[in-house]
PDB file of N, CA and C in Angstrom:
ATOM      1  N   MET A   1      83.871 227.699 115.386  1.00  0.00           N
ATOM      2  CA  MET A   1      84.121 226.472 116.117  1.00  0.00           C
ATOM      3  C   MET A   1      85.441 225.875 115.641  1.00  0.00           C
ATOM      4  N   ALA A   2      86.311 225.521 116.529  1.00  0.00           N
ATOM      5  CA  ALA A   2      87.631 224.990 116.196  1.00  0.00           C
ATOM      6  C   ALA A   2      87.538 223.509 115.870  1.00  0.00           C
ATOM      7  N   SER A   3      88.303 223.113 114.878  1.00  0.00           N
ATOM      8  CA  SER A   3      88.353 221.713 114.487  1.00  0.00           C
ATOM      9  C   SER A   3      89.360 220.967 115.362  1.00  0.00           C
ATOM     10  N   THR A   4      88.985 219.781 115.805  1.00  0.00           N
ATOM     11  CA  THR A   4      89.897 218.977 116.613  1.00  0.00           C
ATOM     12  C   THR A   4      90.707 218.021 115.752  1.00  0.00           C
ATOM     13  N   GLU A   5      90.430 218.014 114.441  1.00  0.00           N
ATOM     14  CA  GLU A   5      91.177 217.145 113.531  1.00  0.00           C
ATOM     15  C   GLU A   5      92.567 217.716 113.291  1.00  0.00           C
ATOM     16  N   LYS A   6      93.575 216.859 113.425  1.00  0.00           N
ATOM     17  CA  LYS A   6      94.957 217.287 113.252  1.00  0.00           C
ATOM     18  C   LYS A   6      95.259 217.507 111.773  1.00  0.00           C
ATOM     19  N   LYS A   7      95.933 218.613 111.467  1.00  0.00           N
ATOM     20  CA  LYS A   7      96.321 218.933 110.096  1.00  0.00           C
ATOM     21  C   LYS A   7      97.714 218.376 109.848  1.00  0.00           C
ATOM     22  N   TYR A   8      97.799 217.403 108.958  1.00  0.00           N
ATOM     23  CA  TYR A   8      99.079 216.787 108.625  1.00  0.00           C
ATOM     24  C   TYR A   8      99.728 217.520 107.464  1.00  0.00           C
ATOM     25  N   TRP A   9     101.054 217.614 107.512  1.00  0.00           N
ATOM     26  CA  TRP A   9     101.798 218.189 106.400  1.00  0.00           C
ATOM     27  C   TRP A   9     101.970 217.168 105.286  1.00  0.00           C
ATOM     28  N   PHE A  10     102.079 215.892 105.665  1.00  0.00           N
ATOM     29  CA  PHE A  10     102.322 214.811 104.711  1.00  0.00           C
ATOM     30  C   PHE A  10     101.314 213.691 104.967  1.00  0.00           C
ATOM     31  N   PRO A  11     100.443 213.372 103.999  1.00  0.00           N
ATOM     32  CA  PRO A  11      99.508 212.261 104.189  1.00  0.00           C
ATOM     33  C   PRO A  11     100.208 210.927 103.959  1.00  0.00           C
ATOM     34  N   ALA A  12      99.753 209.900 104.640  1.00  0.00           N
ATOM     35  CA  ALA A  12     100.289 208.552 104.421  1.00  0.00           C
ATOM     36  C   ALA A  12      99.815 208.058 103.062  1.00  0.00           C
ATOM     37  N   LYS A  13     100.677 207.349 102.358  1.00  0.00           N
ATOM     38  CA  LYS A  13     100.280 206.753 101.086  1.00  0.00           C
ATOM     39  C   LYS A  13      99.292 205.634 101.358  1.00  0.00           C
ATOM     40  N   ARG A  14      98.320 205.492 100.498  1.00  0.00           N
ATOM     41  CA  ARG A  14      97.310 204.446 100.678  1.00  0.00           C
ATOM     42  C   ARG A  14      97.831 203.081 100.233  1.00  0.00           C
ATOM     43  N   SER A  15      98.821 203.078  99.358  1.00  0.00           N
ATOM     44  CA  SER A  15      99.470 201.826  98.971  1.00  0.00           C
ATOM     45  C   SER A  15     100.968 202.080  98.898  1.00  0.00           C
ATOM     46  N   GLY A  16     101.735 201.096  99.256  1.00  0.00           N
ATOM     47  CA  GLY A  16     103.180 201.272  99.286  1.00  0.00           C
ATOM     48  C   GLY A  16     103.635 201.813 100.628  1.00  0.00           C
ATOM     49  N   TRP A  17     104.877 202.279 100.633  1.00  0.00           N
ATOM     50  CA  TRP A  17     105.502 202.751 101.867  1.00  0.00           C
ATOM     51  C   TRP A  17     105.617 204.257 101.858  1.00  0.00           C
ATOM     52  N   GLY A  18     105.582 204.843 103.036  1.00  0.00           N
ATOM     53  CA  GLY A  18     105.916 206.256 103.175  1.00  0.00           C
ATOM     54  C   GLY A  18     104.745 207.203 103.062  1.00  0.00           C
ATOM     55  N   TRP A  19     105.084 208.431 102.714  1.00  0.00           N
ATOM     56  CA  TRP A  19     104.125 209.513 102.657  1.00  0.00           C
ATOM     57  C   TRP A  19     104.003 210.017 101.234  1.00  0.00           C
ATOM     58  N   GLY A  20     102.867 210.629 100.951  1.00  0.00           N
ATOM     59  CA  GLY A  20     102.632 211.208  99.635  1.00  0.00           C
ATOM     60  C   GLY A  20     103.114 212.645  99.576  1.00  0.00           C
ATOM     61  N   LEU A  21     102.699 213.335  98.529  1.00  0.00           N
ATOM     62  CA  LEU A  21     103.055 214.743  98.373  1.00  0.00           C
ATOM     63  C   LEU A  21     102.462 215.568  99.511  1.00  0.00           C
ATOM     64  N   PRO A  22     103.122 216.635  99.888  1.00  0.00           N
ATOM     65  CA  PRO A  22     102.616 217.470 100.990  1.00  0.00           C
ATOM     66  C   PRO A  22     101.218 218.024 100.701  1.00  0.00           C
ATOM     67  N   THR A  23     100.455 218.228 101.758  1.00  0.00           N
ATOM     68  CA  THR A  23      99.125 218.820 101.646  1.00  0.00           C
ATOM     69  C   THR A  23      99.050 220.175 102.336  1.00  0.00           C
ATOM     70  N   ALA A  24     100.144 220.628 102.897  1.00  0.00           N
ATOM     71  CA  ALA A  24     100.202 221.923 103.573  1.00  0.00           C
ATOM     72  C   ALA A  24     101.428 222.683 103.059  1.00  0.00           C
ATOM     73  N   TRP A  25     101.357 224.000 103.137  1.00  0.00           N
ATOM     74  CA  TRP A  25     102.482 224.804 102.637  1.00  0.00           C
ATOM     75  C   TRP A  25     103.759 224.507 103.407  1.00  0.00           C
ATOM     76  N   GLN A  26     103.621 224.149 104.682  1.00  0.00           N
ATOM     77  CA  GLN A  26     104.806 223.839 105.485  1.00  0.00           C
ATOM     78  C   GLN A  26     105.529 222.597 104.949  1.00  0.00           C
ATOM     79  N   GLY A  27     104.768 221.619 104.516  1.00  0.00           N
ATOM     80  CA  GLY A  27     105.352 220.426 103.934  1.00  0.00           C
ATOM     81  C   GLY A  27     106.078 220.728 102.632  1.00  0.00           C
ATOM     82  N   TRP A  28     105.462 221.593 101.811  1.00  0.00           N
ATOM     83  CA  TRP A  28     106.126 221.992 100.561  1.00  0.00           C
ATOM     84  C   TRP A  28     107.418 222.739 100.851  1.00  0.00           C
ATOM     85  N   LEU A  29     107.396 223.575 101.875  1.00  0.00           N
ATOM     86  CA  LEU A  29     108.599 224.319 102.251  1.00  0.00           C
ATOM     87  C   LEU A  29     109.711 223.361 102.693  1.00  0.00           C
ATOM     88  N   VAL A  30     109.365 222.360 103.476  1.00  0.00           N
ATOM     89  CA  VAL A  30     110.341 221.364 103.910  1.00  0.00           C
ATOM     90  C   VAL A  30     110.946 220.669 102.692  1.00  0.00           C
ATOM     91  N   CYS A  31     110.122 220.299 101.722  1.00  0.00           N
ATOM     92  CA  CYS A  31     110.623 219.627 100.518  1.00  0.00           C
ATOM     93  C   CYS A  31     111.541 220.533  99.698  1.00  0.00           C
ATOM     94  N   VAL A  32     111.170 221.788  99.549  1.00  0.00           N
ATOM     95  CA  VAL A  32     112.000 222.732  98.795  1.00  0.00           C
ATOM     96  C   VAL A  32     113.354 222.914  99.481  1.00  0.00           C
ATOM     97  N   ILE A  33     113.338 223.059 100.803  1.00  0.00           N
ATOM     98  CA  ILE A  33     114.596 223.220 101.552  1.00  0.00           C
ATOM     99  C   ILE A  33     115.449 221.954 101.424  1.00  0.00           C
ATOM    100  N   TYR A  34     114.826 220.788 101.516  1.00  0.00           N
ATOM    101  CA  TYR A  34     115.560 219.529 101.374  1.00  0.00           C
ATOM    102  C   TYR A  34     116.270 219.474 100.016  1.00  0.00           C
ATOM    103  N   PHE A  35     115.536 219.709  98.937  1.00  0.00           N
ATOM    104  CA  PHE A  35     116.134 219.629  97.609  1.00  0.00           C
ATOM    105  C   PHE A  35     117.181 220.710  97.390  1.00  0.00           C
ATOM    106  N   ALA A  36     116.957 221.894  97.952  1.00  0.00           N
ATOM    107  CA  ALA A  36     117.951 222.964  97.831  1.00  0.00           C
ATOM    108  C   ALA A  36     119.248 222.583  98.551  1.00  0.00           C
ATOM    109  N   LEU A  37     119.134 221.965  99.723  1.00  0.00           N
ATOM    110  CA  LEU A  37     120.330 221.540 100.459  1.00  0.00           C
ATOM    111  C   LEU A  37     121.064 220.404  99.750  1.00  0.00           C
ATOM    112  N   VAL A  38     120.316 219.493  99.120  1.00  0.00           N
ATOM    113  CA  VAL A  38     120.967 218.424  98.353  1.00  0.00           C
ATOM    114  C   VAL A  38     121.725 219.026  97.172  1.00  0.00           C
ATOM    115  N   LEU A  39     121.095 219.952  96.448  1.00  0.00           N
ATOM    116  CA  LEU A  39     121.768 220.604  95.317  1.00  0.00           C
ATOM    117  C   LEU A  39     122.976 221.417  95.777  1.00  0.00           C
ATOM    118  N   ALA A  40     122.836 222.114  96.891  1.00  0.00           N
ATOM    119  CA  ALA A  40     123.964 222.882  97.423  1.00  0.00           C
ATOM    120  C   ALA A  40     125.109 221.949  97.812  1.00  0.00           C
ATOM    121  N   GLY A  41     124.772 220.807  98.374  1.00  0.00           N
ATOM    122  CA  GLY A  41     125.791 219.826  98.730  1.00  0.00           C
ATOM    123  C   GLY A  41     126.478 219.249  97.508  1.00  0.00           C
ATOM    124  N   ALA A  42     125.720 219.080  96.424  1.00  0.00           N
ATOM    125  CA  ALA A  42     126.320 218.576  95.186  1.00  0.00           C
ATOM    126  C   ALA A  42     127.345 219.573  94.654  1.00  0.00           C
ATOM    127  N   GLY A  43     127.082 220.851  94.872  1.00  0.00           N
ATOM    128  CA  GLY A  43     128.019 221.873  94.412  1.00  0.00           C
ATOM    129  C   GLY A  43     129.155 222.145  95.378  1.00  0.00           C
ATOM    130  N   ALA A  44     128.947 221.901  96.661  1.00  0.00           N
ATOM    131  CA  ALA A  44     129.967 222.244  97.658  1.00  0.00           C
ATOM    132  C   ALA A  44     130.669 221.016  98.243  1.00  0.00           C
ATOM    133  N   VAL A  45     129.914 220.035  98.673  1.00  0.00           N
ATOM    134  CA  VAL A  45     130.498 218.874  99.348  1.00  0.00           C
ATOM    135  C   VAL A  45     131.131 217.912  98.345  1.00  0.00           C
ATOM    136  N   LEU A  46     130.426 217.616  97.282  1.00  0.00           N
ATOM    137  CA  LEU A  46     130.911 216.620  96.317  1.00  0.00           C
ATOM    138  C   LEU A  46     132.267 216.968  95.709  1.00  0.00           C
ATOM    139  N   PRO A  47     132.487 218.188  95.189  1.00  0.00           N
ATOM    140  CA  PRO A  47     133.801 218.472  94.593  1.00  0.00           C
ATOM    141  C   PRO A  47     134.942 218.541  95.613  1.00  0.00           C
ATOM    142  N   ARG A  48     134.656 219.007  96.824  1.00  0.00           N
ATOM    143  CA  ARG A  48     135.711 219.208  97.824  1.00  0.00           C
ATOM    144  C   ARG A  48     136.044 217.950  98.611  1.00  0.00           C
ATOM    145  N   HIS A  49     135.024 217.142  98.898  1.00  0.00           N
ATOM    146  CA  HIS A  49     135.225 216.020  99.816  1.00  0.00           C
ATOM    147  C   HIS A  49     134.947 214.653  99.199  1.00  0.00           C
ATOM    148  N   GLY A  50     134.418 214.612  98.012  1.00  0.00           N
ATOM    149  CA  GLY A  50     134.205 213.350  97.322  1.00  0.00           C
ATOM    150  C   GLY A  50     132.824 212.744  97.530  1.00  0.00           C
ATOM    151  N   ALA A  51     132.634 211.648  96.830  1.00  0.00           N
ATOM    152  CA  ALA A  51     131.324 210.999  96.791  1.00  0.00           C
ATOM    153  C   ALA A  51     130.899 210.420  98.139  1.00  0.00           C
ATOM    154  N   LEU A  52     131.846 209.861  98.877  1.00  0.00           N
ATOM    155  CA  LEU A  52     131.492 209.247 100.161  1.00  0.00           C
ATOM    156  C   LEU A  52     130.940 210.279 101.147  1.00  0.00           C
ATOM    157  N   CYS A  53     131.573 211.432 101.228  1.00  0.00           N
ATOM    158  CA  CYS A  53     131.077 212.501 102.110  1.00  0.00           C
ATOM    159  C   CYS A  53     129.731 213.027 101.622  1.00  0.00           C
ATOM    160  N   PHE A  54     129.591 213.158 100.310  1.00  0.00           N
ATOM    161  CA  PHE A  54     128.306 213.612  99.768  1.00  0.00           C
ATOM    162  C   PHE A  54     127.213 212.599 100.062  1.00  0.00           C
ATOM    163  N   PHE A  55     127.526 211.320  99.969  1.00  0.00           N
ATOM    164  CA  PHE A  55     126.567 210.272 100.301  1.00  0.00           C
ATOM    165  C   PHE A  55     126.149 210.369 101.765  1.00  0.00           C
ATOM    166  N   ALA A  56     127.099 210.580 102.658  1.00  0.00           N
ATOM    167  CA  ALA A  56     126.794 210.730 104.084  1.00  0.00           C
ATOM    168  C   ALA A  56     125.960 211.985 104.338  1.00  0.00           C
ATOM    169  N   TYR A  57     126.315 213.079 103.676  1.00  0.00           N
ATOM    170  CA  TYR A  57     125.574 214.345 103.793  1.00  0.00           C
ATOM    171  C   TYR A  57     124.128 214.159 103.343  1.00  0.00           C
ATOM    172  N   THR A  58     123.959 213.535 102.178  1.00  0.00           N
ATOM    173  CA  THR A  58     122.610 213.321 101.649  1.00  0.00           C
ATOM    174  C   THR A  58     121.834 212.346 102.531  1.00  0.00           C
ATOM    175  N   GLY A  59     122.506 211.337 103.057  1.00  0.00           N
ATOM    176  CA  GLY A  59     121.853 210.404 103.970  1.00  0.00           C
ATOM    177  C   GLY A  59     121.369 211.082 105.240  1.00  0.00           C
ATOM    178  N   ALA A  60     122.185 211.985 105.777  1.00  0.00           N
ATOM    179  CA  ALA A  60     121.786 212.723 106.985  1.00  0.00           C
ATOM    180  C   ALA A  60     120.585 213.625 106.697  1.00  0.00           C
ATOM    181  N   LEU A  61     120.597 214.295 105.549  1.00  0.00           N
ATOM    182  CA  LEU A  61     119.456 215.133 105.174  1.00  0.00           C
ATOM    183  C   LEU A  61     118.191 214.297 104.996  1.00  0.00           C
ATOM    184  N   THR A  62     118.343 213.131 104.377  1.00  0.00           N
ATOM    185  CA  THR A  62     117.189 212.260 104.153  1.00  0.00           C
ATOM    186  C   THR A  62     116.644 211.727 105.468  1.00  0.00           C
ATOM    187  N   LEU A  63     117.532 211.378 106.380  1.00  0.00           N
ATOM    188  CA  LEU A  63     117.092 210.929 107.701  1.00  0.00           C
ATOM    189  C   LEU A  63     116.319 212.042 108.412  1.00  0.00           C
ATOM    190  N   LEU A  64     116.811 213.258 108.325  1.00  0.00           N
ATOM    191  CA  LEU A  64     116.105 214.393 108.911  1.00  0.00           C
ATOM    192  C   LEU A  64     114.731 214.579 108.272  1.00  0.00           C
ATOM    193  N   LEU A  65     114.646 214.416 106.950  1.00  0.00           N
ATOM    194  CA  LEU A  65     113.359 214.525 106.252  1.00  0.00           C
ATOM    195  C   LEU A  65     112.387 213.451 106.724  1.00  0.00           C
ATOM    196  N   VAL A  66     112.858 212.235 106.898  1.00  0.00           N
ATOM    197  CA  VAL A  66     111.993 211.145 107.378  1.00  0.00           C
ATOM    198  C   VAL A  66     111.504 211.438 108.797  1.00  0.00           C
ATOM    199  N   VAL A  67     112.372 211.958 109.649  1.00  0.00           N
ATOM    200  CA  VAL A  67     111.962 212.303 111.012  1.00  0.00           C
ATOM    201  C   VAL A  67     110.883 213.386 110.979  1.00  0.00           C
ATOM    202  N   ILE A  68     111.059 214.397 110.136  1.00  0.00           N
ATOM    203  CA  ILE A  68     110.045 215.451 110.018  1.00  0.00           C
ATOM    204  C   ILE A  68     108.734 214.854 109.527  1.00  0.00           C
ATOM    205  N   CYS A  69     108.799 213.949 108.544  1.00  0.00           N
ATOM    206  CA  CYS A  69     107.579 213.298 108.054  1.00  0.00           C
ATOM    207  C   CYS A  69     106.912 212.472 109.146  1.00  0.00           C
ATOM    208  N   MET A  70     107.700 211.809 109.981  1.00  0.00           N
ATOM    209  CA  MET A  70     107.121 211.017 111.066  1.00  0.00           C
ATOM    210  C   MET A  70     106.434 211.908 112.105  1.00  0.00           C
ATOM    211  N   VAL A  71     107.035 213.069 112.370  1.00  0.00           N
ATOM    212  CA  VAL A  71     106.483 213.969 113.386  1.00  0.00           C
ATOM    213  C   VAL A  71     105.272 214.742 112.850  1.00  0.00           C
ATOM    214  N   LYS A  72     105.377 215.260 111.633  1.00  0.00           N
ATOM    215  CA  LYS A  72     104.344 216.150 111.096  1.00  0.00           C
ATOM    216  C   LYS A  72     103.425 215.478 110.078  1.00  0.00           C
ATOM    217  N   GLY A  73     103.689 214.189 109.785  1.00  0.00           N
ATOM    218  CA  GLY A  73     102.869 213.476 108.812  1.00  0.00           C
ATOM    219  C   GLY A  73     101.867 212.555 109.474  1.00  0.00           C
ATOM    220  N   GLU A  74     100.962 212.067 108.640  1.00  0.00           N
ATOM    221  CA  GLU A  74      99.962 211.111 109.099  1.00  0.00           C
ATOM    222  C   GLU A  74     100.655 209.808 109.491  1.00  0.00           C
ATOM    223  N   ARG A  75     100.159 209.189 110.523  1.00  0.00           N
ATOM    224  CA  ARG A  75     100.757 207.932 110.979  1.00  0.00           C
ATOM    225  C   ARG A  75     100.559 206.870 109.902  1.00  0.00           C
ATOM    226  N   LEU A  76     101.626 206.133 109.606  1.00  0.00           N
ATOM    227  CA  LEU A  76     101.584 205.130 108.555  1.00  0.00           C
ATOM    228  C   LEU A  76     100.748 203.931 108.986  1.00  0.00           C
ATOM    229  N   PRO A  77      99.997 203.335 108.056  1.00  0.00           N
ATOM    230  CA  PRO A  77      99.129 202.205 108.425  1.00  0.00           C
ATOM    231  C   PRO A  77      99.878 201.055 109.091  1.00  0.00           C
ATOM    232  N   TRP A  78     101.064 200.727 108.625  1.00  0.00           N
ATOM    233  CA  TRP A  78     101.803 199.604 109.209  1.00  0.00           C
ATOM    234  C   TRP A  78     102.357 199.954 110.581  1.00  0.00           C
ATOM    235  N   LEU A  79     102.395 201.250 110.946  1.00  0.00           N
ATOM    236  CA  LEU A  79     102.783 201.637 112.307  1.00  0.00           C
ATOM    237  C   LEU A  79     101.577 201.730 113.234  1.00  0.00           C
ATOM    238  N   ARG A  80     100.390 201.873 112.645  1.00  0.00           N
ATOM    239  CA  ARG A  80      99.159 201.943 113.428  1.00  0.00           C
ATOM    240  C   ARG A  80      98.685 200.561 113.838  1.00  0.00           C
ATOM    241  N   GLY A  81      99.203 199.536 113.171  1.00  0.00           N
ATOM    242  CA  GLY A  81      98.733 198.194 113.457  1.00  0.00           C
ATOM    243  C   GLY A  81      97.645 197.762 112.484  1.00  0.00           C
ATOM    244  N   ASN A  82      97.254 198.631 111.538  1.00  0.00           N
ATOM    245  CA  ASN A  82      96.262 198.279 110.523  1.00  0.00           C
ATOM    246  C   ASN A  82      96.950 197.533 109.394  1.00  0.00           C
ATOM    247  N   LYS A  83      96.205 196.663 108.768  1.00  0.00           N
ATOM    248  CA  LYS A  83      96.767 195.935 107.622  1.00  0.00           C
ATOM    249  C   LYS A  83      96.198 196.445 106.339  1.00  0.00           C
TER     250      LYS A  83
END
């Protein structure tokens, strides 16, 4: 029998903002790729283009991570209308 419950990659934190640690291998993979790209940028973008470009690069990666968490993660309580 198939489960109708949605499997989230990232659970919503019960207190505070955002999502907790991943609960699925896909979520862990996203986190590993994110950190690998930040480290790669520190080695490639930072020395060649400076801190401002690295800040923009890291900001873009972080924005992408948040979008993935919003799409594949549990809906946050403050977005559900729950208090």
